[in-house]
Amino acid sequence: MKLPPKYVRRLFFIRVGKGDAEQVRETILWGADPNWKTKKGRPALVKAVRQMIVEAGVVKALLDNGADAGATDELGQTALDHARRRLAKYEGRPRKPIPRSRSLSPGGELILPKWEWDHIDEMTREHPDYAEMYLDVRRKAAERVYDTRGNLERIVTLLENLQKKQTPPAS
């Protein structure tokens, strides 16, 4: 897809904020730089860790495409610093079961309100391809599991391992 750079940049940060690794990778293919900083001076990697929706897959996508793990934000903090700080808030607390989406039946079928099924029926008549795409996106959203603690644990491990690889051995 060919978009003007300012739109690629905006879309990139929206997708980082949504926590969708697949979309972040796609935007990088369109020319987004994984080392871009927000207007506040926050690297994309730091933004990914500080978001409400934290996904290890987004951090991995950024790193796999050249994001600098040592980049700091306006506070002088790296993504690892922020991930450790957020993870520390869970220390000593029991793990809670991760709830399943109310939009999925026990058998994995979409449970949608009547108005949404009516909308899908209308789309099917007018734009069959769009209706199919809508259902795919809707299912993906319903199947998504929000495990902030688990994602922070994976991010800390990922960034610490990367830091160990980059640190020369003491002589």
Protein backbone atom coordinates (compact mmCIF):
# COMPACT_ATOMS: atom_id res chain seq x y z
CA MET A 1 0.00 0.00 0.00
CA LYS A 2 1.32 3.43 -0.91
CA LEU A 3 0.43 6.09 1.65
CA PRO A 4 1.99 9.50 2.27
CA PRO A 5 4.68 9.25 4.99
CA LYS A 6 2.69 11.32 7.51
CA TYR A 7 -0.20 8.85 7.26
CA VAL A 8 2.11 5.85 7.60
CA ARG A 9 3.58 7.46 10.73
CA ARG A 10 0.16 8.14 12.25
CA LEU A 11 -1.10 4.66 11.38
CA PHE A 12 2.09 3.12 12.81
CA PHE A 13 1.58 4.72 16.22
CA ILE A 14 -2.13 3.84 16.24
CA ARG A 15 -1.25 0.22 15.55
CA VAL A 16 1.47 0.17 18.20
CA GLY A 17 -1.12 1.56 20.62
CA LYS A 18 -3.67 -1.09 19.67
CA GLY A 19 -1.16 -3.81 20.42
CA ASP A 20 -1.54 -5.68 17.14
CA ALA A 21 1.82 -7.14 16.11
CA GLU A 22 0.61 -8.24 12.69
CA GLN A 23 -0.54 -4.72 11.83
CA VAL A 24 2.67 -3.19 13.21
CA ARG A 25 4.72 -5.49 10.94
CA GLU A 26 2.52 -4.55 7.98
CA THR A 27 3.02 -0.82 8.64
CA ILE A 28 6.79 -1.33 8.84
CA LEU A 29 6.61 -2.96 5.40
CA TRP A 30 4.89 0.23 4.21
CA GLY A 31 7.90 2.27 5.34
CA ALA A 32 7.37 2.94 9.04
CA ASP A 33 10.59 3.24 11.02
CA PRO A 34 10.53 1.15 14.24
CA ASN A 35 12.75 3.83 15.83
CA TRP A 36 10.32 6.68 15.24
CA LYS A 37 9.48 8.74 18.30
CA THR A 38 6.15 10.30 19.23
CA LYS A 39 5.77 14.06 19.43
CA LYS A 40 6.56 13.71 23.15
CA GLY A 41 9.87 12.05 22.25
CA ARG A 42 8.76 8.55 23.22
CA PRO A 43 10.29 5.77 21.07
CA ALA A 44 7.77 3.32 19.59
CA LEU A 45 9.25 0.55 21.75
CA VAL A 46 8.64 2.55 24.93
CA LYS A 47 5.15 3.48 23.74
CA ALA A 48 4.40 -0.22 23.20
CA VAL A 49 5.36 -1.00 26.81
CA ARG A 50 3.59 1.97 28.38
CA GLN A 51 0.27 1.41 26.59
CA MET A 52 -2.80 0.08 28.37
CA ILE A 53 -2.76 -2.85 25.92
CA VAL A 54 0.70 -4.39 26.29
CA GLU A 55 1.57 -7.12 23.80
CA ALA A 56 4.91 -8.92 23.74
CA GLY A 57 4.35 -9.59 20.03
CA VAL A 58 4.46 -5.86 19.24
CA VAL A 59 7.73 -5.45 21.15
CA LYS A 60 9.18 -8.46 19.30
CA ALA A 61 7.98 -7.09 15.93
CA LEU A 62 9.66 -3.76 16.63
CA LEU A 63 12.91 -5.40 17.78
CA ASP A 64 12.93 -7.84 14.84
CA ASN A 65 12.73 -4.84 12.52
CA GLY A 66 15.58 -2.86 14.07
CA ALA A 67 14.10 -0.95 17.01
CA ASP A 68 16.80 0.23 19.43
CA ALA A 69 16.17 -1.45 22.79
CA GLY A 70 18.38 1.15 24.47
CA ALA A 71 16.40 4.16 23.21
CA THR A 72 15.12 6.37 26.02
CA ASP A 73 12.01 8.49 26.41
CA GLU A 74 11.61 12.01 27.72
CA LEU A 75 12.22 10.67 31.26
CA GLY A 76 15.47 8.94 30.29
CA GLN A 77 13.83 5.51 30.68
CA THR A 78 14.09 2.55 28.31
CA ALA A 79 11.33 0.09 27.44
CA LEU A 80 12.95 -2.39 29.86
CA ASP A 81 12.86 0.18 32.68
CA HIS A 82 9.14 0.79 32.10
CA ALA A 83 8.33 -2.92 31.76
CA ARG A 84 10.14 -3.76 35.03
CA ARG A 85 8.37 -0.93 36.85
CA ARG A 86 4.95 -2.03 35.60
CA LEU A 87 5.66 -5.67 36.37
CA ALA A 88 6.74 -4.80 39.93
CA LYS A 89 3.15 -3.69 40.64
CA TYR A 90 2.08 -7.34 40.38
CA GLU A 91 4.68 -8.61 42.85
CA GLY A 92 3.14 -10.57 45.69
CA ARG A 93 -0.29 -10.59 44.08
CA PRO A 94 -1.93 -13.84 43.06
CA ARG A 95 -2.54 -14.49 39.38
CA LYS A 96 -6.12 -14.04 38.31
CA PRO A 97 -7.70 -16.19 35.63
CA ILE A 98 -7.87 -14.42 32.30
CA PRO A 99 -11.53 -13.92 31.34
CA ARG A 100 -12.87 -15.16 28.04
CA SER A 101 -14.59 -12.65 25.79
CA ARG A 102 -18.36 -12.41 26.22
CA SER A 103 -18.52 -12.26 22.42
CA LEU A 104 -17.60 -15.96 22.13
CA SER A 105 -19.72 -18.98 23.00
CA PRO A 106 -18.08 -21.92 24.83
CA GLY A 107 -17.84 -23.54 21.38
CA GLY A 108 -16.04 -20.51 19.91
CA GLU A 109 -18.95 -19.09 17.90
CA LEU A 110 -19.42 -15.32 17.75
CA ILE A 111 -22.18 -13.99 20.00
CA LEU A 112 -23.21 -10.62 18.62
CA PRO A 113 -26.22 -8.39 19.24
CA LYS A 114 -29.04 -8.44 16.72
CA TRP A 115 -28.17 -4.97 15.41
CA GLU A 116 -24.66 -6.17 14.53
CA TRP A 117 -25.94 -9.28 12.72
CA ASP A 118 -28.37 -7.03 10.82
CA HIS A 119 -25.45 -4.80 9.87
CA ILE A 120 -23.46 -7.85 8.70
CA ASP A 121 -26.43 -9.06 6.64
CA GLU A 122 -26.64 -5.66 4.97
CA MET A 123 -22.90 -5.68 4.27
CA THR A 124 -23.15 -9.18 2.83
CA ARG A 125 -25.77 -8.00 0.34
CA GLU A 126 -23.95 -4.80 -0.62
CA HIS A 127 -20.26 -5.70 -0.19
CA PRO A 128 -19.70 -9.44 0.38
CA ASP A 129 -15.91 -9.08 0.61
CA TYR A 130 -16.19 -6.33 3.23
CA ALA A 131 -18.63 -8.39 5.31
CA GLU A 132 -16.21 -11.31 5.34
CA MET A 133 -13.35 -9.02 6.34
CA TYR A 134 -15.50 -7.47 9.08
CA LEU A 135 -16.30 -10.91 10.52
CA ASP A 136 -12.61 -11.88 10.45
CA VAL A 137 -11.62 -8.73 12.33
CA ARG A 138 -14.54 -9.12 14.76
CA ARG A 139 -13.57 -12.75 15.50
CA LYS A 140 -9.92 -11.79 15.97
CA ALA A 141 -10.96 -9.13 18.48
CA ALA A 142 -13.21 -11.56 20.36
CA GLU A 143 -10.49 -14.22 20.54
CA ARG A 144 -7.90 -11.79 21.85
CA VAL A 145 -6.77 -12.37 25.41
CA TYR A 146 -5.56 -9.43 27.47
CA ASP A 147 -2.86 -10.69 29.81
CA THR A 148 -0.90 -7.60 30.79
CA ARG A 149 1.10 -9.37 33.48
CA GLY A 150 2.05 -12.28 31.24
CA ASN A 151 3.00 -9.95 28.39
CA LEU A 152 5.13 -7.80 30.70
CA GLU A 153 6.92 -10.93 31.94
CA ARG A 154 7.66 -11.97 28.34
CA ILE A 155 8.80 -8.43 27.44
CA VAL A 156 11.17 -8.20 30.41
CA THR A 157 12.67 -11.59 29.52
CA LEU A 158 13.01 -10.62 25.86
CA LEU A 159 14.68 -7.28 26.61
CA GLU A 160 16.94 -8.69 29.33
CA ASN A 161 18.12 -11.47 27.00
CA LEU A 162 18.79 -8.91 24.30
CA GLN A 163 20.71 -6.76 26.78
CA LYS A 164 22.84 -9.78 27.82
CA LYS A 165 23.72 -10.49 24.17
CA GLN A 166 24.75 -6.88 23.59
CA THR A 167 26.81 -6.50 26.78
CA PRO A 168 30.45 -7.46 26.19
CA PRO A 169 31.85 -9.95 28.73
CA ALA A 170 33.94 -8.44 31.55
CA SER A 171 37.64 -9.07 31.18
